[in-house]
Amino acid sequence: MKDNTRNYRATFILDNRGREEAVEQLVESLKKEIEAVGGAITAVENLGRRDFARVTDPAFPGAPYVEITFAAAPAAPALLKERLRLNGIVYRLFIQAL
């Protein structure tokens, strides 16, 4: 039977306003969410805090960016987006196939 696993890169913009957890702790919770949809983490890169090109809220001009590369089934990106849709720590999420 053919292995139906694909590689993905998920870029997260985190909303850590009013939170006492460090970015590393937030990344650990995101890794658990990826593993919950059947993903295997291959790399994590903290891109640091960056300012937004278009600021929609003057009180929130920038946020930490994190890239997580993982291998998962083709249905996993949709499942991950649905799981994180109401998650307060994820401000934006972009998943691309590699």
N, C-alpha and C. Protein backbone atom coordinates (compact mmCIF):
# COMPACT_ATOMS: atom_id res chain seq x y z
N MET A 1 0.84 -1.18 0.00
CA MET A 1 0.00 0.00 0.00
C MET A 1 0.88 1.24 0.00
N LYS A 2 0.51 2.23 -0.79
CA LYS A 2 1.30 3.44 -0.95
C LYS A 2 1.20 4.33 0.28
N ASP A 3 2.34 4.90 0.65
CA ASP A 3 2.36 5.85 1.76
C ASP A 3 1.80 7.18 1.25
N ASN A 4 0.71 7.65 1.85
CA ASN A 4 0.01 8.83 1.38
C ASN A 4 0.33 10.04 2.26
N THR A 5 1.59 10.23 2.60
CA THR A 5 2.01 11.31 3.46
C THR A 5 2.63 12.43 2.62
N ARG A 6 2.28 13.66 2.97
CA ARG A 6 2.83 14.82 2.28
C ARG A 6 3.50 15.75 3.30
N ASN A 7 4.40 16.58 2.80
CA ASN A 7 5.09 17.54 3.67
C ASN A 7 4.42 18.90 3.56
N TYR A 8 4.29 19.57 4.71
CA TYR A 8 3.65 20.87 4.79
C TYR A 8 4.48 21.81 5.64
N ARG A 9 4.32 23.10 5.37
CA ARG A 9 4.91 24.13 6.23
C ARG A 9 3.77 25.04 6.70
N ALA A 10 3.60 25.11 8.00
CA ALA A 10 2.57 25.97 8.58
C ALA A 10 3.24 27.18 9.20
N THR A 11 2.80 28.36 8.81
CA THR A 11 3.31 29.60 9.36
C THR A 11 2.23 30.17 10.27
N PHE A 12 2.59 30.36 11.53
CA PHE A 12 1.65 30.86 12.53
C PHE A 12 2.05 32.27 12.94
N ILE A 13 1.06 33.14 13.06
CA ILE A 13 1.24 34.43 13.71
C ILE A 13 0.53 34.30 15.04
N LEU A 14 1.28 34.43 16.12
CA LEU A 14 0.74 34.18 17.45
C LEU A 14 0.24 35.46 18.09
N ASP A 15 -0.84 35.36 18.81
CA ASP A 15 -1.40 36.48 19.58
C ASP A 15 -1.14 36.20 21.05
N ASN A 16 -0.05 36.76 21.56
CA ASN A 16 0.31 36.50 22.95
C ASN A 16 0.00 37.69 23.85
N ARG A 17 -0.90 38.55 23.43
CA ARG A 17 -1.29 39.70 24.27
C ARG A 17 -2.01 39.19 25.51
N GLY A 18 -1.59 39.66 26.66
CA GLY A 18 -2.24 39.29 27.91
C GLY A 18 -1.93 37.89 28.39
N ARG A 19 -0.97 37.23 27.80
CA ARG A 19 -0.60 35.87 28.21
C ARG A 19 0.75 35.89 28.91
N GLU A 20 0.87 35.05 29.91
CA GLU A 20 2.12 34.97 30.64
C GLU A 20 3.05 33.88 30.11
N GLU A 21 2.53 33.00 29.23
CA GLU A 21 3.35 31.92 28.70
C GLU A 21 4.37 32.48 27.71
N ALA A 22 5.53 31.84 27.67
CA ALA A 22 6.55 32.21 26.71
C ALA A 22 6.15 31.66 25.34
N VAL A 23 6.77 32.18 24.30
CA VAL A 23 6.47 31.73 22.93
C VAL A 23 6.76 30.25 22.79
N GLU A 24 7.79 29.75 23.47
CA GLU A 24 8.14 28.33 23.39
C GLU A 24 7.01 27.45 23.91
N GLN A 25 6.35 27.89 24.97
CA GLN A 25 5.23 27.12 25.51
C GLN A 25 4.04 27.14 24.55
N LEU A 26 3.82 28.26 23.88
CA LEU A 26 2.74 28.33 22.90
C LEU A 26 3.05 27.42 21.71
N VAL A 27 4.32 27.36 21.31
CA VAL A 27 4.72 26.49 20.21
C VAL A 27 4.51 25.03 20.58
N GLU A 28 4.79 24.67 21.82
CA GLU A 28 4.56 23.28 22.27
C GLU A 28 3.08 22.92 22.16
N SER A 29 2.19 23.84 22.49
CA SER A 29 0.76 23.54 22.37
C SER A 29 0.36 23.40 20.90
N LEU A 30 0.99 24.19 20.00
CA LEU A 30 0.71 24.05 18.57
C LEU A 30 1.22 22.72 18.04
N LYS A 31 2.37 22.28 18.53
CA LYS A 31 2.91 20.99 18.11
C LYS A 31 1.98 19.86 18.52
N LYS A 32 1.38 19.96 19.70
CA LYS A 32 0.43 18.95 20.15
C LYS A 32 -0.81 18.93 19.26
N GLU A 33 -1.25 20.09 18.81
CA GLU A 33 -2.41 20.15 17.91
C GLU A 33 -2.09 19.49 16.57
N ILE A 34 -0.88 19.72 16.05
CA ILE A 34 -0.48 19.10 14.79
C ILE A 34 -0.40 17.59 14.94
N GLU A 35 0.15 17.13 16.05
CA GLU A 35 0.24 15.69 16.30
C GLU A 35 -1.15 15.09 16.49
N ALA A 36 -2.11 15.86 16.98
CA ALA A 36 -3.47 15.35 17.19
C ALA A 36 -4.18 15.07 15.87
N VAL A 37 -3.78 15.75 14.79
CA VAL A 37 -4.40 15.49 13.48
C VAL A 37 -3.57 14.50 12.67
N GLY A 38 -2.59 13.86 13.31
CA GLY A 38 -1.80 12.83 12.65
C GLY A 38 -0.53 13.32 12.00
N GLY A 39 -0.08 14.52 12.35
CA GLY A 39 1.14 15.07 11.76
C GLY A 39 2.38 14.68 12.54
N ALA A 40 3.50 14.55 11.82
CA ALA A 40 4.80 14.27 12.44
C ALA A 40 5.68 15.50 12.21
N ILE A 41 6.06 16.16 13.30
CA ILE A 41 6.86 17.39 13.24
C ILE A 41 8.26 17.06 12.75
N THR A 42 8.73 17.81 11.75
CA THR A 42 10.09 17.61 11.26
C THR A 42 11.00 18.79 11.58
N ALA A 43 10.45 20.01 11.68
CA ALA A 43 11.27 21.18 12.01
C ALA A 43 10.40 22.28 12.59
N VAL A 44 10.99 23.06 13.50
CA VAL A 44 10.33 24.21 14.09
C VAL A 44 11.30 25.38 14.02
N GLU A 45 10.82 26.51 13.52
CA GLU A 45 11.68 27.69 13.43
C GLU A 45 10.92 28.89 13.97
N ASN A 46 11.48 29.50 15.01
CA ASN A 46 10.91 30.71 15.57
C ASN A 46 11.49 31.89 14.79
N LEU A 47 10.66 32.60 14.05
CA LEU A 47 11.12 33.70 13.21
C LEU A 47 11.19 35.02 13.97
N GLY A 48 10.78 35.02 15.23
CA GLY A 48 10.85 36.21 16.06
C GLY A 48 9.65 37.13 15.85
N ARG A 49 9.70 38.23 16.54
CA ARG A 49 8.62 39.21 16.45
C ARG A 49 8.84 40.08 15.22
N ARG A 50 7.76 40.27 14.45
CA ARG A 50 7.81 41.11 13.25
C ARG A 50 6.63 42.07 13.26
N ASP A 51 6.87 43.24 12.68
CA ASP A 51 5.79 44.21 12.55
C ASP A 51 4.94 43.87 11.33
N PHE A 52 3.66 44.17 11.43
CA PHE A 52 2.74 43.91 10.33
C PHE A 52 2.90 44.96 9.25
N ALA A 53 2.72 44.56 7.99
CA ALA A 53 2.76 45.51 6.88
C ALA A 53 1.54 46.43 6.93
N ARG A 54 0.40 45.85 7.29
CA ARG A 54 -0.83 46.63 7.44
C ARG A 54 -1.35 46.43 8.86
N VAL A 55 -1.30 47.48 9.63
CA VAL A 55 -1.74 47.42 11.02
C VAL A 55 -3.22 47.73 11.08
N THR A 56 -4.01 46.75 11.53
CA THR A 56 -5.45 46.95 11.65
C THR A 56 -5.84 47.44 13.04
N ASP A 57 -5.00 47.16 14.02
CA ASP A 57 -5.25 47.58 15.40
C ASP A 57 -3.99 48.29 15.91
N PRO A 58 -4.05 49.59 16.20
CA PRO A 58 -2.85 50.30 16.65
C PRO A 58 -2.25 49.73 17.93
N ALA A 59 -3.04 49.03 18.73
CA ALA A 59 -2.53 48.41 19.95
C ALA A 59 -1.83 47.08 19.66
N PHE A 60 -1.90 46.61 18.42
CA PHE A 60 -1.31 45.32 18.04
C PHE A 60 -0.54 45.48 16.72
N PRO A 61 0.63 46.15 16.78
CA PRO A 61 1.37 46.44 15.54
C PRO A 61 2.23 45.29 15.01
N GLY A 62 2.46 44.27 15.83
CA GLY A 62 3.29 43.14 15.41
C GLY A 62 3.11 41.97 16.34
N ALA A 63 3.65 40.82 15.92
CA ALA A 63 3.48 39.61 16.70
C ALA A 63 4.59 38.62 16.37
N PRO A 64 4.76 37.58 17.21
CA PRO A 64 5.75 36.54 16.92
C PRO A 64 5.28 35.63 15.78
N TYR A 65 6.21 35.28 14.91
CA TYR A 65 5.96 34.37 13.80
C TYR A 65 6.70 33.06 14.07
N VAL A 66 6.05 31.93 13.75
CA VAL A 66 6.65 30.61 13.93
C VAL A 66 6.32 29.76 12.71
N GLU A 67 7.33 29.04 12.20
CA GLU A 67 7.12 28.10 11.10
C GLU A 67 7.34 26.69 11.62
N ILE A 68 6.38 25.82 11.34
CA ILE A 68 6.48 24.42 11.73
C ILE A 68 6.33 23.58 10.47
N THR A 69 7.33 22.76 10.19
CA THR A 69 7.29 21.85 9.05
C THR A 69 6.88 20.48 9.57
N PHE A 70 5.91 19.86 8.89
CA PHE A 70 5.42 18.56 9.35
C PHE A 70 5.00 17.71 8.17
N ALA A 71 4.92 16.41 8.40
CA ALA A 71 4.44 15.44 7.42
C ALA A 71 3.11 14.89 7.92
N ALA A 72 2.13 14.83 7.00
CA ALA A 72 0.81 14.37 7.40
C ALA A 72 0.02 13.93 6.17
N ALA A 73 -1.14 13.37 6.42
CA ALA A 73 -2.05 12.95 5.35
C ALA A 73 -2.60 14.19 4.65
N PRO A 74 -3.09 14.05 3.43
CA PRO A 74 -3.62 15.20 2.69
C PRO A 74 -4.78 15.93 3.37
N ALA A 75 -5.53 15.26 4.21
CA ALA A 75 -6.65 15.89 4.90
C ALA A 75 -6.24 16.67 6.14
N ALA A 76 -5.01 16.51 6.59
CA ALA A 76 -4.56 17.11 7.84
C ALA A 76 -4.59 18.65 7.85
N PRO A 77 -4.22 19.36 6.78
CA PRO A 77 -4.28 20.83 6.85
C PRO A 77 -5.69 21.36 7.12
N ALA A 78 -6.70 20.79 6.50
CA ALA A 78 -8.07 21.23 6.75
C ALA A 78 -8.49 20.92 8.18
N LEU A 79 -8.11 19.75 8.67
CA LEU A 79 -8.43 19.39 10.05
C LEU A 79 -7.72 20.32 11.04
N LEU A 80 -6.47 20.66 10.74
CA LEU A 80 -5.71 21.55 11.62
C LEU A 80 -6.32 22.95 11.64
N LYS A 81 -6.71 23.46 10.50
CA LYS A 81 -7.35 24.78 10.46
C LYS A 81 -8.64 24.78 11.25
N GLU A 82 -9.40 23.71 11.15
CA GLU A 82 -10.65 23.64 11.89
C GLU A 82 -10.40 23.56 13.40
N ARG A 83 -9.38 22.81 13.81
CA ARG A 83 -9.06 22.70 15.24
C ARG A 83 -8.59 24.03 15.82
N LEU A 84 -7.87 24.81 15.02
CA LEU A 84 -7.29 26.07 15.51
C LEU A 84 -8.15 27.29 15.22
N ARG A 85 -9.29 27.07 14.61
CA ARG A 85 -10.15 28.19 14.21
C ARG A 85 -10.54 29.08 15.39
N LEU A 86 -10.86 28.49 16.50
CA LEU A 86 -11.28 29.25 17.68
C LEU A 86 -10.20 29.34 18.74
N ASN A 87 -8.98 28.93 18.40
CA ASN A 87 -7.87 28.99 19.35
C ASN A 87 -7.41 30.43 19.48
N GLY A 88 -7.35 30.94 20.70
CA GLY A 88 -7.01 32.34 20.94
C GLY A 88 -5.56 32.70 20.72
N ILE A 89 -4.66 31.72 20.69
CA ILE A 89 -3.25 32.06 20.53
C ILE A 89 -2.85 32.20 19.07
N VAL A 90 -3.67 31.71 18.15
CA VAL A 90 -3.34 31.79 16.72
C VAL A 90 -4.07 32.99 16.13
N TYR A 91 -3.29 34.00 15.73
CA TYR A 91 -3.88 35.18 15.10
C TYR A 91 -4.12 34.92 13.62
N ARG A 92 -3.13 34.34 12.94
CA ARG A 92 -3.25 33.96 11.53
C ARG A 92 -2.53 32.64 11.32
N LEU A 93 -2.98 31.88 10.31
CA LEU A 93 -2.39 30.59 9.99
C LEU A 93 -2.35 30.44 8.48
N PHE A 94 -1.17 30.05 7.97
CA PHE A 94 -1.00 29.79 6.54
C PHE A 94 -0.30 28.45 6.39
N ILE A 95 -0.93 27.52 5.67
CA ILE A 95 -0.35 26.19 5.46
C ILE A 95 -0.08 26.01 3.97
N GLN A 96 1.15 25.63 3.64
CA GLN A 96 1.49 25.38 2.24
C GLN A 96 2.11 24.00 2.09
N ALA A 97 1.82 23.37 0.98
CA ALA A 97 2.40 22.06 0.68
C ALA A 97 3.81 22.27 0.13
N LEU A 98 4.71 21.40 0.54
CA LEU A 98 6.10 21.50 0.06
C LEU A 98 6.37 20.50 -1.03
